């Protein structure tokens, strides 16, 4: 019998890496898109809402902005997406395709 052991942690790392890669690629498209597109304005609204709106009681819901922030931290990027300046800096990074590919490759 050809039985071999596959480490579940290694499988988990591959799956997580692929998810982060896909979200980073999606973010790249959002940042390079038109500023009046629904996805771009939604990101701006999410960042503004996070800054100035008070949340509800209880455990905060997981949303795409929080997941992107965790992905950026995982990629060891200094941009935290806590304000519009961070969003603009990330947009400038996305315009430089070579630097963004380095970010995607992790």
N, C-alpha and C. Protein backbone atom coordinates (compact mmCIF):
# COMPACT_ATOMS: atom_id res chain seq x y z
N UNK A 1 0.84 -1.17 0.00
CA UNK A 1 0.00 0.00 0.00
C UNK A 1 0.88 1.23 0.00
N UNK A 2 0.48 2.24 -0.75
CA UNK A 2 1.24 3.48 -0.84
C UNK A 2 0.62 4.53 0.07
N UNK A 3 0.89 4.40 1.33
CA UNK A 3 0.35 5.36 2.30
C UNK A 3 1.45 6.37 2.64
N UNK A 4 1.08 7.61 2.67
CA UNK A 4 2.02 8.64 3.08
C UNK A 4 1.29 9.65 3.95
N UNK A 5 2.08 10.34 4.75
CA UNK A 5 1.51 11.29 5.69
C UNK A 5 1.58 12.71 5.12
N UNK A 6 0.46 13.39 5.15
CA UNK A 6 0.41 14.79 4.74
C UNK A 6 0.11 15.61 5.98
N UNK A 7 0.99 16.56 6.24
CA UNK A 7 0.84 17.39 7.42
C UNK A 7 -0.33 18.36 7.23
N UNK A 8 -1.34 18.30 8.09
CA UNK A 8 -2.50 19.20 7.92
C UNK A 8 -2.14 20.67 8.06
N UNK A 9 -1.11 20.98 8.82
CA UNK A 9 -0.68 22.37 8.97
C UNK A 9 -0.13 22.90 7.66
N UNK A 10 0.59 22.08 6.93
CA UNK A 10 1.12 22.50 5.63
C UNK A 10 -0.02 22.74 4.64
N UNK A 11 -1.02 21.89 4.68
CA UNK A 11 -2.19 22.09 3.80
C UNK A 11 -2.88 23.39 4.17
N UNK A 12 -3.03 23.66 5.46
CA UNK A 12 -3.67 24.88 5.94
C UNK A 12 -2.89 26.11 5.46
N UNK A 13 -1.56 26.05 5.53
CA UNK A 13 -0.74 27.17 5.07
C UNK A 13 -0.93 27.44 3.58
N UNK A 14 -1.02 26.40 2.79
CA UNK A 14 -1.22 26.56 1.35
C UNK A 14 -2.58 27.18 1.07
N UNK A 15 -3.61 26.72 1.77
CA UNK A 15 -4.96 27.25 1.56
C UNK A 15 -5.02 28.72 1.99
N UNK A 16 -4.45 29.04 3.14
CA UNK A 16 -4.46 30.42 3.63
C UNK A 16 -3.67 31.31 2.68
N UNK A 17 -2.51 30.84 2.22
CA UNK A 17 -1.70 31.64 1.31
C UNK A 17 -2.48 31.94 0.03
N UNK A 18 -3.19 30.95 -0.50
CA UNK A 18 -3.95 31.16 -1.72
C UNK A 18 -5.06 32.19 -1.49
N UNK A 19 -5.75 32.10 -0.35
CA UNK A 19 -6.80 33.06 -0.03
C UNK A 19 -6.24 34.48 0.05
N UNK A 20 -5.09 34.63 0.71
CA UNK A 20 -4.47 35.95 0.84
C UNK A 20 -4.04 36.46 -0.53
N UNK A 21 -3.51 35.58 -1.35
CA UNK A 21 -3.08 35.98 -2.69
C UNK A 21 -4.27 36.49 -3.51
N UNK A 22 -5.40 35.79 -3.44
CA UNK A 22 -6.58 36.17 -4.20
C UNK A 22 -7.12 37.51 -3.70
N UNK A 23 -7.17 37.69 -2.38
CA UNK A 23 -7.65 38.98 -1.85
C UNK A 23 -6.70 40.12 -2.19
N UNK A 24 -5.40 39.87 -2.19
CA UNK A 24 -4.43 40.90 -2.54
C UNK A 24 -4.58 41.28 -4.01
N UNK A 25 -4.81 40.30 -4.86
CA UNK A 25 -5.01 40.57 -6.28
C UNK A 25 -6.30 41.37 -6.49
N UNK A 26 -7.35 41.02 -5.76
CA UNK A 26 -8.61 41.76 -5.85
C UNK A 26 -8.42 43.20 -5.39
N UNK A 27 -7.69 43.39 -4.28
CA UNK A 27 -7.43 44.74 -3.77
C UNK A 27 -6.64 45.55 -4.79
N UNK A 28 -5.71 44.92 -5.47
CA UNK A 28 -4.91 45.61 -6.49
C UNK A 28 -5.83 46.15 -7.59
N UNK A 29 -6.80 45.34 -8.01
CA UNK A 29 -7.75 45.79 -9.04
C UNK A 29 -8.62 46.93 -8.53
N UNK A 30 -9.05 46.88 -7.29
CA UNK A 30 -9.86 47.95 -6.72
C UNK A 30 -9.07 49.25 -6.68
N UNK A 31 -7.82 49.18 -6.22
CA UNK A 31 -7.01 50.39 -6.06
C UNK A 31 -6.62 51.00 -7.39
N UNK A 32 -6.45 50.18 -8.42
CA UNK A 32 -6.06 50.69 -9.73
C UNK A 32 -7.27 51.10 -10.57
N UNK A 33 -8.46 50.84 -10.07
CA UNK A 33 -9.67 51.17 -10.82
C UNK A 33 -10.02 52.64 -10.74
N UNK A 34 -11.14 52.98 -11.35
CA UNK A 34 -11.60 54.36 -11.35
C UNK A 34 -12.08 54.76 -9.96
N UNK A 35 -11.86 56.03 -9.63
CA UNK A 35 -12.21 56.51 -8.30
C UNK A 35 -13.71 56.63 -8.08
N UNK A 36 -14.49 56.60 -9.14
CA UNK A 36 -15.94 56.68 -8.97
C UNK A 36 -16.61 55.30 -9.10
N UNK A 37 -15.80 54.24 -9.13
CA UNK A 37 -16.38 52.90 -9.20
C UNK A 37 -16.98 52.51 -7.85
N UNK A 38 -17.98 51.65 -7.84
CA UNK A 38 -18.61 51.25 -6.57
C UNK A 38 -17.64 50.59 -5.59
N UNK A 39 -16.70 49.80 -6.09
CA UNK A 39 -15.77 49.12 -5.17
C UNK A 39 -14.82 50.12 -4.52
N UNK A 40 -14.33 51.06 -5.29
CA UNK A 40 -13.41 52.07 -4.77
C UNK A 40 -14.11 52.94 -3.73
N UNK A 41 -15.31 53.42 -4.07
CA UNK A 41 -16.03 54.28 -3.12
C UNK A 41 -16.47 53.49 -1.89
N UNK A 42 -16.74 52.20 -2.04
CA UNK A 42 -17.09 51.37 -0.88
C UNK A 42 -15.92 51.25 0.08
N UNK A 43 -14.71 51.10 -0.47
CA UNK A 43 -13.52 51.04 0.40
C UNK A 43 -13.35 52.36 1.15
N UNK A 44 -13.52 53.48 0.45
CA UNK A 44 -13.42 54.79 1.11
C UNK A 44 -14.48 54.94 2.19
N UNK A 45 -15.69 54.51 1.90
CA UNK A 45 -16.77 54.59 2.88
C UNK A 45 -16.46 53.72 4.10
N UNK A 46 -15.94 52.53 3.87
CA UNK A 46 -15.62 51.63 4.98
C UNK A 46 -14.55 52.23 5.89
N UNK A 47 -13.54 52.84 5.29
CA UNK A 47 -12.47 53.45 6.10
C UNK A 47 -13.02 54.65 6.86
N UNK A 48 -13.80 55.51 6.18
CA UNK A 48 -14.40 56.66 6.86
C UNK A 48 -15.35 56.23 7.97
N UNK A 49 -16.14 55.21 7.73
CA UNK A 49 -17.09 54.72 8.73
C UNK A 49 -16.36 54.18 9.94
N UNK A 50 -15.27 53.50 9.69
CA UNK A 50 -14.49 52.93 10.79
C UNK A 50 -13.90 54.03 11.66
N UNK A 51 -13.58 55.16 11.06
CA UNK A 51 -12.97 56.28 11.79
C UNK A 51 -14.01 57.03 12.61
N UNK A 52 -15.14 57.38 12.00
CA UNK A 52 -16.03 58.35 12.64
C UNK A 52 -17.35 57.79 13.17
N UNK A 53 -17.69 56.56 12.87
CA UNK A 53 -18.96 56.02 13.34
C UNK A 53 -18.74 55.07 14.51
N UNK A 54 -19.63 55.18 15.45
CA UNK A 54 -19.55 54.31 16.61
C UNK A 54 -20.19 52.97 16.28
N UNK A 55 -19.55 51.92 16.69
CA UNK A 55 -20.07 50.58 16.40
C UNK A 55 -21.16 50.17 17.37
N UNK A 56 -21.72 49.03 17.10
CA UNK A 56 -22.77 48.53 17.98
C UNK A 56 -22.14 47.76 19.14
N UNK A 57 -22.95 47.43 20.12
CA UNK A 57 -22.45 46.67 21.26
C UNK A 57 -22.16 45.24 20.87
N UNK A 58 -21.30 44.60 21.62
CA UNK A 58 -21.01 43.20 21.38
C UNK A 58 -19.76 42.99 20.53
N UNK A 59 -19.58 41.76 20.17
CA UNK A 59 -18.41 41.41 19.36
C UNK A 59 -18.54 42.02 17.97
N UNK A 60 -17.50 42.70 17.50
CA UNK A 60 -17.60 43.29 16.17
C UNK A 60 -17.64 42.22 15.08
N UNK A 61 -18.41 42.48 14.05
CA UNK A 61 -18.51 41.56 12.92
C UNK A 61 -17.22 41.60 12.12
N UNK A 62 -16.87 40.49 11.54
CA UNK A 62 -15.72 40.43 10.66
C UNK A 62 -16.16 40.96 9.29
N UNK A 63 -15.41 41.92 8.78
CA UNK A 63 -15.76 42.46 7.47
C UNK A 63 -14.53 42.46 6.57
N UNK A 64 -14.74 42.78 5.32
CA UNK A 64 -13.65 42.71 4.35
C UNK A 64 -12.50 43.65 4.70
N UNK A 65 -12.81 44.83 5.23
CA UNK A 65 -11.75 45.78 5.59
C UNK A 65 -10.85 45.19 6.67
N UNK A 66 -11.42 44.55 7.67
CA UNK A 66 -10.62 43.92 8.72
C UNK A 66 -9.76 42.78 8.16
N UNK A 67 -10.32 42.01 7.25
CA UNK A 67 -9.57 40.91 6.64
C UNK A 67 -8.40 41.46 5.82
N UNK A 68 -8.64 42.54 5.06
CA UNK A 68 -7.56 43.15 4.28
C UNK A 68 -6.47 43.69 5.19
N UNK A 69 -6.87 44.29 6.30
CA UNK A 69 -5.87 44.79 7.27
C UNK A 69 -5.00 43.65 7.79
N UNK A 70 -5.63 42.53 8.11
CA UNK A 70 -4.86 41.37 8.59
C UNK A 70 -3.94 40.84 7.50
N UNK A 71 -4.42 40.84 6.26
CA UNK A 71 -3.58 40.39 5.14
C UNK A 71 -2.37 41.30 4.97
N UNK A 72 -2.57 42.61 5.09
CA UNK A 72 -1.45 43.55 4.96
C UNK A 72 -0.44 43.35 6.09
N UNK A 73 -0.94 43.07 7.28
CA UNK A 73 -0.05 42.78 8.41
C UNK A 73 0.72 41.48 8.15
N UNK A 74 0.02 40.47 7.61
CA UNK A 74 0.66 39.20 7.28
C UNK A 74 1.77 39.40 6.25
N UNK A 75 1.57 40.34 5.34
CA UNK A 75 2.56 40.64 4.31
C UNK A 75 3.65 41.59 4.81
N UNK A 76 3.64 41.92 6.11
CA UNK A 76 4.63 42.81 6.73
C UNK A 76 4.65 44.18 6.08
N UNK A 77 3.49 44.69 5.75
CA UNK A 77 3.37 46.01 5.15
C UNK A 77 3.05 47.01 6.25
N UNK A 78 3.67 48.17 6.18
CA UNK A 78 3.49 49.19 7.21
C UNK A 78 2.16 49.92 7.12
N UNK A 79 1.46 49.81 6.03
CA UNK A 79 0.21 50.52 5.83
C UNK A 79 -0.91 49.77 6.56
N UNK A 80 -1.58 50.45 7.49
CA UNK A 80 -2.58 49.79 8.33
C UNK A 80 -4.02 50.03 7.88
N UNK A 81 -4.25 50.90 6.90
CA UNK A 81 -5.58 51.26 6.42
C UNK A 81 -6.48 51.76 7.54
N UNK A 82 -5.95 52.63 8.37
CA UNK A 82 -6.73 53.20 9.46
C UNK A 82 -7.29 54.58 9.10
N UNK A 83 -6.79 55.19 8.02
CA UNK A 83 -7.29 56.50 7.61
C UNK A 83 -7.13 56.63 6.09
N UNK A 84 -7.60 57.75 5.56
CA UNK A 84 -7.57 57.95 4.11
C UNK A 84 -6.15 58.12 3.59
N UNK A 85 -5.24 58.64 4.41
CA UNK A 85 -3.84 58.76 3.99
C UNK A 85 -3.24 57.38 3.75
N UNK A 86 -3.55 56.43 4.62
CA UNK A 86 -3.08 55.05 4.42
C UNK A 86 -3.65 54.48 3.12
N UNK A 87 -4.92 54.77 2.85
CA UNK A 87 -5.55 54.28 1.61
C UNK A 87 -4.86 54.88 0.39
N UNK A 88 -4.55 56.18 0.45
CA UNK A 88 -3.85 56.82 -0.67
C UNK A 88 -2.46 56.24 -0.85
N UNK A 89 -1.75 55.98 0.25
CA UNK A 89 -0.42 55.37 0.16
C UNK A 89 -0.49 53.98 -0.46
N UNK A 90 -1.51 53.23 -0.10
CA UNK A 90 -1.68 51.90 -0.67
C UNK A 90 -2.04 52.00 -2.15
N UNK A 91 -2.81 53.03 -2.52
CA UNK A 91 -3.14 53.25 -3.92
C UNK A 91 -1.89 53.56 -4.73
N UNK A 92 -1.01 54.40 -4.18
CA UNK A 92 0.25 54.70 -4.87
C UNK A 92 1.11 53.46 -5.01
N UNK A 93 1.10 52.60 -4.00
CA UNK A 93 1.85 51.35 -4.08
C UNK A 93 1.28 50.45 -5.18
N UNK A 94 -0.05 50.44 -5.31
CA UNK A 94 -0.69 49.60 -6.32
C UNK A 94 -0.38 50.08 -7.74
N UNK A 95 -0.11 51.37 -7.88
CA UNK A 95 0.21 51.90 -9.21
C UNK A 95 1.58 51.44 -9.69
N UNK A 96 2.45 51.08 -8.75
CA UNK A 96 3.77 50.55 -9.10
C UNK A 96 3.66 49.03 -9.17
N UNK A 97 3.52 48.52 -10.38
CA UNK A 97 3.22 47.10 -10.57
C UNK A 97 4.32 46.19 -10.02
N UNK A 98 5.58 46.59 -10.16
CA UNK A 98 6.69 45.76 -9.67
C UNK A 98 6.67 45.63 -8.14
N UNK A 99 6.43 46.75 -7.46
CA UNK A 99 6.36 46.71 -6.00
C UNK A 99 5.17 45.89 -5.52
N UNK A 100 4.05 46.00 -6.24
CA UNK A 100 2.86 45.24 -5.85
C UNK A 100 3.08 43.75 -6.05
N UNK A 101 3.80 43.37 -7.10
CA UNK A 101 4.09 41.94 -7.32
C UNK A 101 4.95 41.39 -6.19
N UNK A 102 5.87 42.22 -5.69
CA UNK A 102 6.67 41.78 -4.52
C UNK A 102 5.77 41.55 -3.33
N UNK A 103 4.76 42.40 -3.16
CA UNK A 103 3.81 42.25 -2.07
C UNK A 103 2.99 40.96 -2.24
N UNK A 104 2.56 40.70 -3.46
CA UNK A 104 1.77 39.49 -3.74
C UNK A 104 2.57 38.22 -3.48
N UNK A 105 3.84 38.26 -3.84
CA UNK A 105 4.68 37.08 -3.69
C UNK A 105 5.03 36.80 -2.24
N UNK A 106 4.84 37.80 -1.40
CA UNK A 106 5.04 37.64 0.04
C UNK A 106 6.45 37.47 0.41
